[in-house]
């Protein structure tokens, strides 16, 4: 098979590799589409994210879907031909975190495109059968892949306690911010406000259902007085984090989703006096059934997020253009001619 391989920071080539063989509990999937994530761009540019360092050739891409073409010995053969969305992780089933249901926090996790585990910028991948979720015929290949970032939004909304009547602020109108605002709506929020410094991204937020789109700089004073129930912080920008905390009503919850500075000086008296809950999010657990339902019933639109499609030979170009302000989700189609 063909695979796009990151050899070192800034160096990507297409290689011929053996088609992986599914273990007893796995399925072999012909990859239909893969979304580019900010982490893919970071590995490409820097060769590392925090403690995760590219020390040997790595296949990027973890937002993926496709069609099952073979199964391991313990998997029902009738699954061959199923169109699926891939939850791209393999936790230890016996870790304390997995047994508690928070398998995303398993210290022994193997996750697509996180060194040294290869990802999905390839024609075929394997995954444990229970992490290959069947999708309805009405769901596109792109949407199947984008269940992964949708799952981030679902996990964040759950942590924020968003429900009917919630007022929500989403800071950052990039791909995750746009998904987060849609999820907040689907969870019952009656007002979703989005902030961003970029006018094009603010316009996109309004297109996807935001009630208001505020300029994170010019409208800073207004932002800080919103009195929302939940903050979904998707930018990672320190000013957005701090303004978002001030925007929370007493007993509000802030969920930090975007990756930013390693350390931020928090307004401790504000957090104490308003009894705010400030938490992070690391991937997701038990989100795929909800994600598939939200998409298949039309409550979340993933297909309209796609702003570019490329083949395996164009991965480097796709990684570079995916950071443009007009880009939301750039897709790789491994089986398409470049």
C-alpha atoms as a PDB file:
ATOM      1  CA  UNK A   1       0.000   0.000   0.000  1.00  0.00           C
ATOM      2  CA  UNK A   2       0.969   3.668  -0.246  1.00  0.00           C
ATOM      3  CA  UNK A   3       1.454   5.774   2.873  1.00  0.00           C
ATOM      4  CA  UNK A   4       2.516   9.363   3.518  1.00  0.00           C
ATOM      5  CA  UNK A   5       5.409   9.228   5.986  1.00  0.00           C
ATOM      6  CA  UNK A   6       6.909  12.007   8.105  1.00  0.00           C
ATOM      7  CA  UNK A   7      10.633  11.231   8.266  1.00  0.00           C
ATOM      8  CA  UNK A   8      11.530  14.296  10.301  1.00  0.00           C
ATOM      9  CA  UNK A   9      10.172  17.811  10.808  1.00  0.00           C
ATOM     10  CA  UNK A  10       9.350  19.321   7.404  1.00  0.00           C
ATOM     11  CA  UNK A  11      10.142  16.120   5.488  1.00  0.00           C
ATOM     12  CA  UNK A  12       7.219  14.040   4.187  1.00  0.00           C
ATOM     13  CA  UNK A  13       7.443  11.360   1.490  1.00  0.00           C
ATOM     14  CA  UNK A  14       5.115   8.732   0.035  1.00  0.00           C
ATOM     15  CA  UNK A  15       6.376   5.209   0.662  1.00  0.00           C
ATOM     16  CA  UNK A  16       5.276   1.711  -0.262  1.00  0.00           C
ATOM     17  CA  UNK A  17       4.526  -0.342   2.832  1.00  0.00           C
ATOM     18  CA  UNK A  18       2.999  -3.769   3.462  1.00  0.00           C
ATOM     19  CA  UNK A  19      -0.738  -3.790   4.043  1.00  0.00           C
ATOM     20  CA  UNK A  20      -1.181  -4.333   7.798  1.00  0.00           C
ATOM     21  CA  UNK A  21      -2.721  -7.614   8.879  1.00  0.00           C
ATOM     22  CA  UNK A  22      -5.531  -7.490  11.452  1.00  0.00           C
ATOM     23  CA  UNK A  23      -4.917  -9.167  14.789  1.00  0.00           C
ATOM     24  CA  UNK A  24      -7.602 -11.493  16.150  1.00  0.00           C
ATOM     25  CA  UNK A  25      -9.691  -8.644  17.588  1.00  0.00           C
ATOM     26  CA  UNK A  26      -9.071  -6.150  14.779  1.00  0.00           C
ATOM     27  CA  UNK A  27     -10.495  -5.148  11.428  1.00  0.00           C
ATOM     28  CA  UNK A  28      -8.635  -3.991   8.318  1.00  0.00           C
ATOM     29  CA  UNK A  29     -10.062  -0.768   6.897  1.00  0.00           C
ATOM     30  CA  UNK A  30      -9.579   0.732   3.455  1.00  0.00           C
ATOM     31  CA  UNK A  31      -9.286   4.404   4.351  1.00  0.00           C
ATOM     32  CA  UNK A  32     -11.799   6.657   2.616  1.00  0.00           C
ATOM     33  CA  UNK A  33     -10.977  10.049   4.106  1.00  0.00           C
ATOM     34  CA  UNK A  34      -8.765  11.566   6.786  1.00  0.00           C
ATOM     35  CA  UNK A  35      -9.053  15.040   8.277  1.00  0.00           C
ATOM     36  CA  UNK A  36      -5.979  17.145   9.017  1.00  0.00           C
ATOM     37  CA  UNK A  37      -5.735  18.197  12.655  1.00  0.00           C
ATOM     38  CA  UNK A  38      -3.612  20.929  14.181  1.00  0.00           C
ATOM     39  CA  UNK A  39      -1.524  18.228  15.827  1.00  0.00           C
ATOM     40  CA  UNK A  40      -0.590  16.869  12.379  1.00  0.00           C
ATOM     41  CA  UNK A  41       0.593  20.340  11.372  1.00  0.00           C
ATOM     42  CA  UNK A  42       2.560  20.685  14.611  1.00  0.00           C
ATOM     43  CA  UNK A  43       4.350  17.358  14.141  1.00  0.00           C
ATOM     44  CA  UNK A  44       5.115  18.322  10.541  1.00  0.00           C
ATOM     45  CA  UNK A  45       6.554  21.718  11.457  1.00  0.00           C
ATOM     46  CA  UNK A  46       8.190  20.982  14.813  1.00  0.00           C
ATOM     47  CA  UNK A  47       8.686  17.220  14.914  1.00  0.00           C
ATOM     48  CA  UNK A  48       7.184  17.058  18.398  1.00  0.00           C
ATOM     49  CA  UNK A  49       4.309  18.039  20.650  1.00  0.00           C
ATOM     50  CA  UNK A  50       5.456  18.349  24.244  1.00  0.00           C
ATOM     51  CA  UNK A  51       6.913  15.029  25.345  1.00  0.00           C
ATOM     52  CA  UNK A  52       5.792  13.246  22.156  1.00  0.00           C
ATOM     53  CA  UNK A  53       8.771  13.384  19.785  1.00  0.00           C
ATOM     54  CA  UNK A  54       9.062  12.017  16.232  1.00  0.00           C
ATOM     55  CA  UNK A  55      12.201   9.886  16.603  1.00  0.00           C
ATOM     56  CA  UNK A  56      11.457   7.483  13.713  1.00  0.00           C
ATOM     57  CA  UNK A  57       9.336   7.674  10.531  1.00  0.00           C
ATOM     58  CA  UNK A  58       5.679   8.316  11.414  1.00  0.00           C
ATOM     59  CA  UNK A  59       2.416   8.207   9.475  1.00  0.00           C
ATOM     60  CA  UNK A  60       0.275  11.173  10.524  1.00  0.00           C
ATOM     61  CA  UNK A  61      -3.531  11.467  10.555  1.00  0.00           C
ATOM     62  CA  UNK A  62      -6.003  10.335  13.227  1.00  0.00           C
ATOM     63  CA  UNK A  63      -9.375  11.625  11.981  1.00  0.00           C
ATOM     64  CA  UNK A  64     -10.398   8.748   9.737  1.00  0.00           C
ATOM     65  CA  UNK A  65     -13.141   6.604   8.291  1.00  0.00           C
ATOM     66  CA  UNK A  66     -13.424   3.984   5.588  1.00  0.00           C
ATOM     67  CA  UNK A  67     -14.668   0.500   4.721  1.00  0.00           C
ATOM     68  CA  UNK A  68     -13.876  -2.800   6.439  1.00  0.00           C
ATOM     69  CA  UNK A  69     -12.214  -5.146   3.944  1.00  0.00           C
ATOM     70  CA  UNK A  70     -10.977  -7.930   6.241  1.00  0.00           C
ATOM     71  CA  UNK A  71     -11.391  -9.063   9.848  1.00  0.00           C
ATOM     72  CA  UNK A  72      -9.350 -10.873  12.472  1.00  0.00           C
ATOM     73  CA  UNK A  73     -10.158 -14.411  13.590  1.00  0.00           C
ATOM     74  CA  UNK A  74     -12.327 -13.304  16.524  1.00  0.00           C
ATOM     75  CA  UNK A  75     -14.433 -10.812  14.533  1.00  0.00           C
ATOM     76  CA  UNK A  76     -17.697 -11.674  12.776  1.00  0.00           C
ATOM     77  CA  UNK A  77     -16.982 -11.938   9.063  1.00  0.00           C
ATOM     78  CA  UNK A  78     -20.280 -10.263   8.244  1.00  0.00           C
ATOM     79  CA  UNK A  79     -18.639  -6.947   9.105  1.00  0.00           C
ATOM     80  CA  UNK A  80     -16.684  -6.995   5.828  1.00  0.00           C
ATOM     81  CA  UNK A  81     -18.105  -4.237   3.646  1.00  0.00           C
ATOM     82  CA  UNK A  82     -19.288  -2.045   6.527  1.00  0.00           C
ATOM     83  CA  UNK A  83     -18.648   1.686   6.229  1.00  0.00           C
ATOM     84  CA  UNK A  84     -17.175   2.835   9.520  1.00  0.00           C
ATOM     85  CA  UNK A  85     -15.834   5.752  11.514  1.00  0.00           C
ATOM     86  CA  UNK A  86     -12.643   5.042  13.431  1.00  0.00           C
ATOM     87  CA  UNK A  87     -12.088   5.888  17.083  1.00  0.00           C
ATOM     88  CA  UNK A  88      -8.289   5.996  16.743  1.00  0.00           C
ATOM     89  CA  UNK A  89      -7.135   4.724  20.103  1.00  0.00           C
ATOM     90  CA  UNK A  90      -6.189   1.533  21.896  1.00  0.00           C
ATOM     91  CA  UNK A  91      -6.237   1.756  25.706  1.00  0.00           C
ATOM     92  CA  UNK A  92      -5.257  -1.007  28.067  1.00  0.00           C
ATOM     93  CA  UNK A  93      -8.463  -2.730  29.166  1.00  0.00           C
ATOM     94  CA  UNK A  94      -7.095  -3.298  32.667  1.00  0.00           C
ATOM     95  CA  UNK A  95      -5.757   0.135  33.591  1.00  0.00           C
ATOM     96  CA  UNK A  96      -7.481   1.882  36.495  1.00  0.00           C
ATOM     97  CA  UNK A  97      -8.650   4.652  34.161  1.00  0.00           C
ATOM     98  CA  UNK A  98     -10.116   2.250  31.596  1.00  0.00           C
ATOM     99  CA  UNK A  99     -11.939   0.254  34.250  1.00  0.00           C
ATOM    100  CA  UNK A 100     -13.421   3.515  35.558  1.00  0.00           C
ATOM    101  CA  UNK A 101     -14.712   4.408  32.075  1.00  0.00           C
ATOM    102  CA  UNK A 102     -12.158   7.169  31.452  1.00  0.00           C
ATOM    103  CA  UNK A 103     -10.125   5.114  29.014  1.00  0.00           C
ATOM    104  CA  UNK A 104      -8.960   8.284  27.247  1.00  0.00           C
ATOM    105  CA  UNK A 105      -6.721   8.868  30.279  1.00  0.00           C
ATOM    106  CA  UNK A 106      -5.178   5.383  30.176  1.00  0.00           C
ATOM    107  CA  UNK A 107      -1.411   5.761  30.722  1.00  0.00           C
ATOM    108  CA  UNK A 108      -0.774   2.891  28.305  1.00  0.00           C
ATOM    109  CA  UNK A 109      -2.778   4.407  25.447  1.00  0.00           C
ATOM    110  CA  UNK A 110      -1.740   3.786  21.842  1.00  0.00           C
ATOM    111  CA  UNK A 111      -3.193   6.563  19.688  1.00  0.00           C
ATOM    112  CA  UNK A 112      -3.026   7.050  15.934  1.00  0.00           C
ATOM    113  CA  UNK A 113      -0.304   9.469  14.790  1.00  0.00           C
ATOM    114  CA  UNK A 114       1.143   9.884  18.267  1.00  0.00           C
ATOM    115  CA  UNK A 115       4.760   8.669  18.265  1.00  0.00           C
ATOM    116  CA  UNK A 116       5.531   5.873  17.771  1.00  0.00           C
ATOM    117  CA  UNK A 117       2.049   4.750  16.612  1.00  0.00           C
ATOM    118  CA  UNK A 118       1.319   5.234  12.903  1.00  0.00           C
ATOM    119  CA  UNK A 119      -1.817   7.052  11.798  1.00  0.00           C
ATOM    120  CA  UNK A 120      -4.134   7.005   8.810  1.00  0.00           C
ATOM    121  CA  UNK A 121      -2.471   8.922   5.961  1.00  0.00           C
ATOM    122  CA  UNK A 122      -2.307   5.534   4.253  1.00  0.00           C
ATOM    123  CA  UNK A 123      -4.479   3.339   2.084  1.00  0.00           C
ATOM    124  CA  UNK A 124      -5.190   0.819   4.865  1.00  0.00           C
ATOM    125  CA  UNK A 125      -5.211   0.781   8.665  1.00  0.00           C
ATOM    126  CA  UNK A 126      -6.198  -1.645  11.414  1.00  0.00           C
ATOM    127  CA  UNK A 127      -8.162  -0.944  14.585  1.00  0.00           C
ATOM    128  CA  UNK A 128      -9.820  -3.073  17.251  1.00  0.00           C
ATOM    129  CA  UNK A 129     -13.256  -4.007  15.987  1.00  0.00           C
ATOM    130  CA  UNK A 130     -15.143  -2.239  18.802  1.00  0.00           C
ATOM    131  CA  UNK A 131     -13.484   1.037  17.825  1.00  0.00           C
ATOM    132  CA  UNK A 132     -14.778   0.771  14.236  1.00  0.00           C
ATOM    133  CA  UNK A 133     -18.297   2.227  14.369  1.00  0.00           C
ATOM    134  CA  UNK A 134     -20.759   1.457  11.593  1.00  0.00           C
ATOM    135  CA  UNK A 135     -22.218   4.572   9.981  1.00  0.00           C
ATOM    136  CA  UNK A 136     -25.514   4.982   8.099  1.00  0.00           C
ATOM    137  CA  UNK A 137     -25.481   5.255   4.316  1.00  0.00           C
ATOM    138  CA  UNK A 138     -26.536   8.889   4.663  1.00  0.00           C
ATOM    139  CA  UNK A 139     -23.211   9.796   6.322  1.00  0.00           C
ATOM    140  CA  UNK A 140     -20.416  10.774   3.906  1.00  0.00           C
ATOM    141  CA  UNK A 141     -16.825   9.561   4.023  1.00  0.00           C
ATOM    142  CA  UNK A 142     -15.681  13.014   5.112  1.00  0.00           C
ATOM    143  CA  UNK A 143     -18.230  13.095   7.932  1.00  0.00           C
ATOM    144  CA  UNK A 144     -17.169   9.609   9.014  1.00  0.00           C
ATOM    145  CA  UNK A 145     -13.633  10.922   9.465  1.00  0.00           C
ATOM    146  CA  UNK A 146     -14.769  14.097  11.214  1.00  0.00           C
ATOM    147  CA  UNK A 147     -16.603  12.163  13.931  1.00  0.00           C
ATOM    148  CA  UNK A 148     -13.227  12.395  15.670  1.00  0.00           C
ATOM    149  CA  UNK A 149     -13.095  16.183  16.165  1.00  0.00           C
ATOM    150  CA  UNK A 150     -16.858  16.093  16.771  1.00  0.00           C
ATOM    151  CA  UNK A 151     -16.116  13.749  19.657  1.00  0.00           C
ATOM    152  CA  UNK A 152     -13.856  16.404  21.173  1.00  0.00           C
ATOM    153  CA  UNK A 153     -16.777  18.826  21.075  1.00  0.00           C
ATOM    154  CA  UNK A 154     -19.120  16.275  22.637  1.00  0.00           C
ATOM    155  CA  UNK A 155     -16.683  15.465  25.431  1.00  0.00           C
ATOM    156  CA  UNK A 156     -16.234  19.189  26.127  1.00  0.00           C
ATOM    157  CA  UNK A 157     -19.976  19.881  26.174  1.00  0.00           C
ATOM    158  CA  UNK A 158     -20.510  17.032  28.609  1.00  0.00           C
ATOM    159  CA  UNK A 159     -17.781  18.352  30.905  1.00  0.00           C
ATOM    160  CA  UNK A 160     -19.273  21.835  30.744  1.00  0.00           C
ATOM    161  CA  UNK A 161     -22.700  20.513  31.736  1.00  0.00           C
ATOM    162  CA  UNK A 162     -24.384  22.176  28.766  1.00  0.00           C
ATOM    163  CA  UNK A 163     -28.103  21.506  28.751  1.00  0.00           C
ATOM    164  CA  UNK A 164     -31.434  23.099  27.836  1.00  0.00           C
ATOM    165  CA  UNK A 165     -31.288  26.831  28.550  1.00  0.00           C
ATOM    166  CA  UNK A 166     -27.503  27.117  28.852  1.00  0.00           C
ATOM    167  CA  UNK A 167     -25.747  30.255  27.668  1.00  0.00           C
ATOM    168  CA  UNK A 168     -22.367  29.379  26.162  1.00  0.00           C
ATOM    169  CA  UNK A 169     -19.282  31.296  25.065  1.00  0.00           C
ATOM    170  CA  UNK A 170     -16.984  29.646  22.521  1.00  0.00           C
ATOM    171  CA  UNK A 171     -13.609  31.377  22.217  1.00  0.00           C
ATOM    172  CA  UNK A 172     -11.875  30.643  18.920  1.00  0.00           C
ATOM    173  CA  UNK A 173     -13.798  30.040  15.686  1.00  0.00           C
ATOM    174  CA  UNK A 174     -11.457  27.520  14.108  1.00  0.00           C
ATOM    175  CA  UNK A 175     -12.600  23.983  13.250  1.00  0.00           C
ATOM    176  CA  UNK A 176     -13.044  22.847  16.859  1.00  0.00           C
ATOM    177  CA  UNK A 177     -14.773  26.106  17.781  1.00  0.00           C
ATOM    178  CA  UNK A 178     -17.263  25.708  14.941  1.00  0.00           C
ATOM    179  CA  UNK A 179     -17.905  22.115  15.980  1.00  0.00           C
ATOM    180  CA  UNK A 180     -18.215  23.119  19.651  1.00  0.00           C
ATOM    181  CA  UNK A 181     -20.863  25.742  18.877  1.00  0.00           C
ATOM    182  CA  UNK A 182     -22.892  23.193  16.906  1.00  0.00           C
ATOM    183  CA  UNK A 183     -22.666  20.672  19.737  1.00  0.00           C
ATOM    184  CA  UNK A 184     -23.707  23.292  22.284  1.00  0.00           C
ATOM    185  CA  UNK A 185     -26.773  23.984  20.159  1.00  0.00           C
ATOM    186  CA  UNK A 186     -27.547  20.273  19.864  1.00  0.00           C
ATOM    187  CA  UNK A 187     -27.236  19.870  23.639  1.00  0.00           C
ATOM    188  CA  UNK A 188     -29.892  22.524  24.185  1.00  0.00           C
ATOM    189  CA  UNK A 189     -28.035  25.810  24.641  1.00  0.00           C
ATOM    190  CA  UNK A 190     -30.358  28.714  23.952  1.00  0.00           C
ATOM    191  CA  UNK A 191     -27.576  31.222  23.290  1.00  0.00           C
ATOM    192  CA  UNK A 192     -24.145  30.521  21.828  1.00  0.00           C
ATOM    193  CA  UNK A 193     -21.725  33.422  21.489  1.00  0.00           C
ATOM    194  CA  UNK A 194     -18.446  33.029  19.611  1.00  0.00           C
ATOM    195  CA  UNK A 195     -15.365  35.254  19.778  1.00  0.00           C
ATOM    196  CA  UNK A 196     -12.383  35.431  17.451  1.00  0.00           C
ATOM    197  CA  UNK A 197      -9.888  38.035  16.250  1.00  0.00           C
ATOM    198  CA  UNK A 198     -10.411  37.106  12.574  1.00  0.00           C
ATOM    199  CA  UNK A 199     -13.439  38.602  10.768  1.00  0.00           C
ATOM    200  CA  UNK A 200     -13.644  35.707   8.299  1.00  0.00           C
ATOM    201  CA  UNK A 201     -13.832  33.211  11.124  1.00  0.00           C
ATOM    202  CA  UNK A 202     -16.464  35.256  12.909  1.00  0.00           C
ATOM    203  CA  UNK A 203     -18.521  35.211   9.704  1.00  0.00           C
ATOM    204  CA  UNK A 204     -18.138  31.424   9.530  1.00  0.00           C
ATOM    205  CA  UNK A 205     -19.363  31.135  13.122  1.00  0.00           C
ATOM    206  CA  UNK A 206     -22.545  33.020  12.254  1.00  0.00           C
ATOM    207  CA  UNK A 207     -23.062  30.776   9.240  1.00  0.00           C
ATOM    208  CA  UNK A 208     -22.894  27.711  11.491  1.00  0.00           C
ATOM    209  CA  UNK A 209     -25.450  29.018  13.966  1.00  0.00           C
ATOM    210  CA  UNK A 210     -23.786  31.362  16.455  1.00  0.00           C
ATOM    211  CA  UNK A 211     -26.162  33.951  17.879  1.00  0.00           C
ATOM    212  CA  UNK A 212     -23.411  36.530  18.054  1.00  0.00           C
ATOM    213  CA  UNK A 213     -19.805  36.691  16.885  1.00  0.00           C
ATOM    214  CA  UNK A 214     -17.683  39.150  18.848  1.00  0.00           C
ATOM    215  CA  UNK A 215     -14.296  40.613  18.020  1.00  0.00           C
ATOM    216  CA  UNK A 216     -12.008  39.231  20.726  1.00  0.00           C
ATOM    217  CA  UNK A 217     -10.079  42.521  20.818  1.00  0.00           C
ATOM    218  CA  UNK A 218     -12.539  45.289  19.980  1.00  0.00           C
ATOM    219  CA  UNK A 219     -15.366  43.717  21.982  1.00  0.00           C
ATOM    220  CA  UNK A 220     -13.232  42.680  24.947  1.00  0.00           C
ATOM    221  CA  UNK A 221     -15.173  44.765  27.476  1.00  0.00           C
ATOM    222  CA  UNK A 222     -18.483  43.265  26.354  1.00  0.00           C
ATOM    223  CA  UNK A 223     -17.030  39.750  26.421  1.00  0.00           C
ATOM    224  CA  UNK A 224     -16.027  40.065  30.051  1.00  0.00           C
ATOM    225  CA  UNK A 225     -19.571  40.937  31.149  1.00  0.00           C
ATOM    226  CA  UNK A 226     -21.521  38.212  29.318  1.00  0.00           C
ATOM    227  CA  UNK A 227     -22.354  36.126  32.384  1.00  0.00           C
ATOM    228  CA  UNK A 228     -22.504  32.799  30.536  1.00  0.00           C
ATOM    229  CA  UNK A 229     -22.935  29.384  32.122  1.00  0.00           C
ATOM    230  CA  UNK A 230     -20.175  27.681  30.173  1.00  0.00           C
ATOM    231  CA  UNK A 231     -16.940  28.587  28.420  1.00  0.00           C
ATOM    232  CA  UNK A 232     -15.605  26.318  25.681  1.00  0.00           C
ATOM    233  CA  UNK A 233     -12.111  27.711  25.128  1.00  0.00           C
ATOM    234  CA  UNK A 234     -10.939  26.545  21.700  1.00  0.00           C
ATOM    235  CA  UNK A 235      -8.171  29.018  20.833  1.00  0.00           C
ATOM    236  CA  UNK A 236      -5.449  28.323  23.361  1.00  0.00           C
ATOM    237  CA  UNK A 237      -4.727  32.063  23.430  1.00  0.00           C
ATOM    238  CA  UNK A 238      -3.983  33.373  26.922  1.00  0.00           C
ATOM    239  CA  UNK A 239      -6.064  36.583  26.512  1.00  0.00           C
ATOM    240  CA  UNK A 240      -9.040  34.473  25.396  1.00  0.00           C
ATOM    241  CA  UNK A 241      -8.708  32.176  28.410  1.00  0.00           C
ATOM    242  CA  UNK A 242      -8.614  35.085  30.851  1.00  0.00           C
ATOM    243  CA  UNK A 243     -11.449  37.025  29.200  1.00  0.00           C
ATOM    244  CA  UNK A 244     -13.486  33.829  29.045  1.00  0.00           C
ATOM    245  CA  UNK A 245     -13.098  33.182  32.754  1.00  0.00           C
ATOM    246  CA  UNK A 246     -14.320  36.684  33.505  1.00  0.00           C
ATOM    247  CA  UNK A 247     -17.272  36.109  31.163  1.00  0.00           C
ATOM    248  CA  UNK A 248     -18.564  33.261  33.334  1.00  0.00           C
ATOM    249  CA  UNK A 249     -21.472  33.729  35.708  1.00  0.00           C
ATOM    250  CA  UNK A 250     -21.127  32.449  39.280  1.00  0.00           C
ATOM    251  CA  UNK A 251     -20.957  28.629  39.379  1.00  0.00           C
ATOM    252  CA  UNK A 252     -19.968  28.600  35.697  1.00  0.00           C
ATOM    253  CA  UNK A 253     -17.676  26.025  34.094  1.00  0.00           C
ATOM    254  CA  UNK A 254     -14.684  26.613  31.831  1.00  0.00           C
ATOM    255  CA  UNK A 255     -13.423  23.771  29.634  1.00  0.00           C
ATOM    256  CA  UNK A 256      -9.966  24.384  28.185  1.00  0.00           C
ATOM    257  CA  UNK A 257      -9.783  22.677  24.783  1.00  0.00           C
ATOM    258  CA  UNK A 258      -7.254  24.681  22.746  1.00  0.00           C
ATOM    259  CA  UNK A 259      -3.526  24.109  23.168  1.00  0.00           C
ATOM    260  CA  UNK A 260      -1.645  27.233  24.203  1.00  0.00           C
ATOM    261  CA  UNK A 261       0.905  28.417  26.730  1.00  0.00           C
ATOM    262  CA  UNK A 262       2.330  25.882  29.165  1.00  0.00           C
ATOM    263  CA  UNK A 263       1.591  28.203  32.070  1.00  0.00           C
ATOM    264  CA  UNK A 264      -0.973  30.979  32.657  1.00  0.00           C
ATOM    265  CA  UNK A 265      -1.407  33.190  35.721  1.00  0.00           C
ATOM    266  CA  UNK A 266      -5.029  32.560  36.733  1.00  0.00           C
ATOM    267  CA  UNK A 267      -7.266  35.069  38.589  1.00  0.00           C
ATOM    268  CA  UNK A 268      -7.610  32.968  41.726  1.00  0.00           C
ATOM    269  CA  UNK A 269      -9.932  35.359  43.628  1.00  0.00           C
ATOM    270  CA  UNK A 270     -12.337  35.380  40.661  1.00  0.00           C
ATOM    271  CA  UNK A 271     -12.383  31.581  40.558  1.00  0.00           C
ATOM    272  CA  UNK A 272     -12.882  31.343  44.313  1.00  0.00           C
ATOM    273  CA  UNK A 273     -15.478  34.051  44.726  1.00  0.00           C
ATOM    274  CA  UNK A 274     -17.614  32.882  41.820  1.00  0.00           C
ATOM    275  CA  UNK A 275     -17.008  29.192  42.586  1.00  0.00           C
ATOM    276  CA  UNK A 276     -15.972  28.582  39.003  1.00  0.00           C
ATOM    277  CA  UNK A 277     -14.991  25.146  37.761  1.00  0.00           C
ATOM    278  CA  UNK A 278     -11.954  25.203  35.469  1.00  0.00           C
ATOM    279  CA  UNK A 279     -11.062  21.941  33.787  1.00  0.00           C
ATOM    280  CA  UNK A 280      -9.248  20.556  30.771  1.00  0.00           C
ATOM    281  CA  UNK A 281     -10.111  17.949  28.212  1.00  0.00           C
ATOM    282  CA  UNK A 282      -7.913  15.198  26.783  1.00  0.00           C
ATOM    283  CA  UNK A 283      -9.476  13.523  23.754  1.00  0.00           C
ATOM    284  CA  UNK A 284     -12.732  11.676  24.546  1.00  0.00           C
ATOM    285  CA  UNK A 285     -14.382   8.490  25.769  1.00  0.00           C
ATOM    286  CA  UNK A 286     -17.694   6.892  24.835  1.00  0.00           C
ATOM    287  CA  UNK A 287     -18.636   9.610  22.341  1.00  0.00           C
ATOM    288  CA  UNK A 288     -18.969   7.904  18.958  1.00  0.00           C
ATOM    289  CA  UNK A 289     -22.595   6.706  19.203  1.00  0.00           C
ATOM    290  CA  UNK A 290     -23.659  10.244  20.130  1.00  0.00           C
ATOM    291  CA  UNK A 291     -21.539  11.721  17.333  1.00  0.00           C
ATOM    292  CA  UNK A 292     -23.077   9.438  14.718  1.00  0.00           C
ATOM    293  CA  UNK A 293     -26.591  10.228  15.943  1.00  0.00           C
ATOM    294  CA  UNK A 294     -25.983  13.998  15.861  1.00  0.00           C
ATOM    295  CA  UNK A 295     -24.714  13.834  12.274  1.00  0.00           C
ATOM    296  CA  UNK A 296     -27.201  11.328  10.897  1.00  0.00           C
ATOM    297  CA  UNK A 297     -30.137  13.324  12.286  1.00  0.00           C
ATOM    298  CA  UNK A 298     -28.821  16.609  10.885  1.00  0.00           C
ATOM    299  CA  UNK A 299     -28.191  18.270  14.227  1.00  0.00           C
ATOM    300  CA  UNK A 300     -24.505  18.748  13.403  1.00  0.00           C
ATOM    301  CA  UNK A 301     -23.188  19.565   9.923  1.00  0.00           C
ATOM    302  CA  UNK A 302     -19.701  18.191   9.302  1.00  0.00           C
ATOM    303  CA  UNK A 303     -19.676  18.148   5.501  1.00  0.00           C
ATOM    304  CA  UNK A 304     -19.840  21.939   5.268  1.00  0.00           C
ATOM    305  CA  UNK A 305     -16.621  22.159   7.281  1.00  0.00           C
ATOM    306  CA  UNK A 306     -14.617  20.692   4.392  1.00  0.00           C
ATOM    307  CA  UNK A 307     -12.697  23.395   2.547  1.00  0.00           C
ATOM    308  CA  UNK A 308     -10.154  21.315   0.621  1.00  0.00           C
ATOM    309  CA  UNK A 309      -9.425  17.746  -0.515  1.00  0.00           C
ATOM    310  CA  UNK A 310      -6.018  16.282  -1.422  1.00  0.00           C
ATOM    311  CA  UNK A 311      -4.413  12.947  -2.296  1.00  0.00           C
ATOM    312  CA  UNK A 312      -1.517  11.184  -0.564  1.00  0.00           C
ATOM    313  CA  UNK A 313       1.008  12.839  -2.869  1.00  0.00           C
ATOM    314  CA  UNK A 314      -0.248  16.260  -1.757  1.00  0.00           C
ATOM    315  CA  UNK A 315      -0.117  15.841   2.025  1.00  0.00           C
ATOM    316  CA  UNK A 316       2.643  18.403   2.499  1.00  0.00           C
ATOM    317  CA  UNK A 317       0.683  21.016   0.539  1.00  0.00           C
ATOM    318  CA  UNK A 318      -2.470  20.122   2.452  1.00  0.00           C
ATOM    319  CA  UNK A 319      -0.707  20.574   5.798  1.00  0.00           C
ATOM    320  CA  UNK A 320       0.494  24.018   4.758  1.00  0.00           C
ATOM    321  CA  UNK A 321      -2.863  25.316   3.507  1.00  0.00           C
ATOM    322  CA  UNK A 322      -4.861  23.874   6.414  1.00  0.00           C
ATOM    323  CA  UNK A 323      -3.769  26.740   8.697  1.00  0.00           C
ATOM    324  CA  UNK A 324      -5.241  29.505   6.503  1.00  0.00           C
ATOM    325  CA  UNK A 325      -7.998  31.573   8.107  1.00  0.00           C
ATOM    326  CA  UNK A 326     -10.397  30.565   5.325  1.00  0.00           C
ATOM    327  CA  UNK A 327      -9.714  26.852   5.928  1.00  0.00           C
ATOM    328  CA  UNK A 328     -11.790  24.772   8.322  1.00  0.00           C
ATOM    329  CA  UNK A 329     -11.155  21.115   7.555  1.00  0.00           C
ATOM    330  CA  UNK A 330      -8.707  19.925   4.934  1.00  0.00           C
ATOM    331  CA  UNK A 331      -9.189  16.286   3.945  1.00  0.00           C
ATOM    332  CA  UNK A 332      -6.853  13.621   2.620  1.00  0.00           C
ATOM    333  CA  UNK A 333      -8.328  10.967   0.329  1.00  0.00           C
ATOM    334  CA  UNK A 334      -5.726   8.145   0.289  1.00  0.00           C
ATOM    335  CA  UNK A 335      -7.417   6.316  -2.577  1.00  0.00           C
ATOM    336  CA  UNK A 336      -7.755   9.374  -4.832  1.00  0.00           C
ATOM    337  CA  UNK A 337      -5.429  10.212  -7.669  1.00  0.00           C
ATOM    338  CA  UNK A 338      -3.309  13.257  -6.839  1.00  0.00           C
END
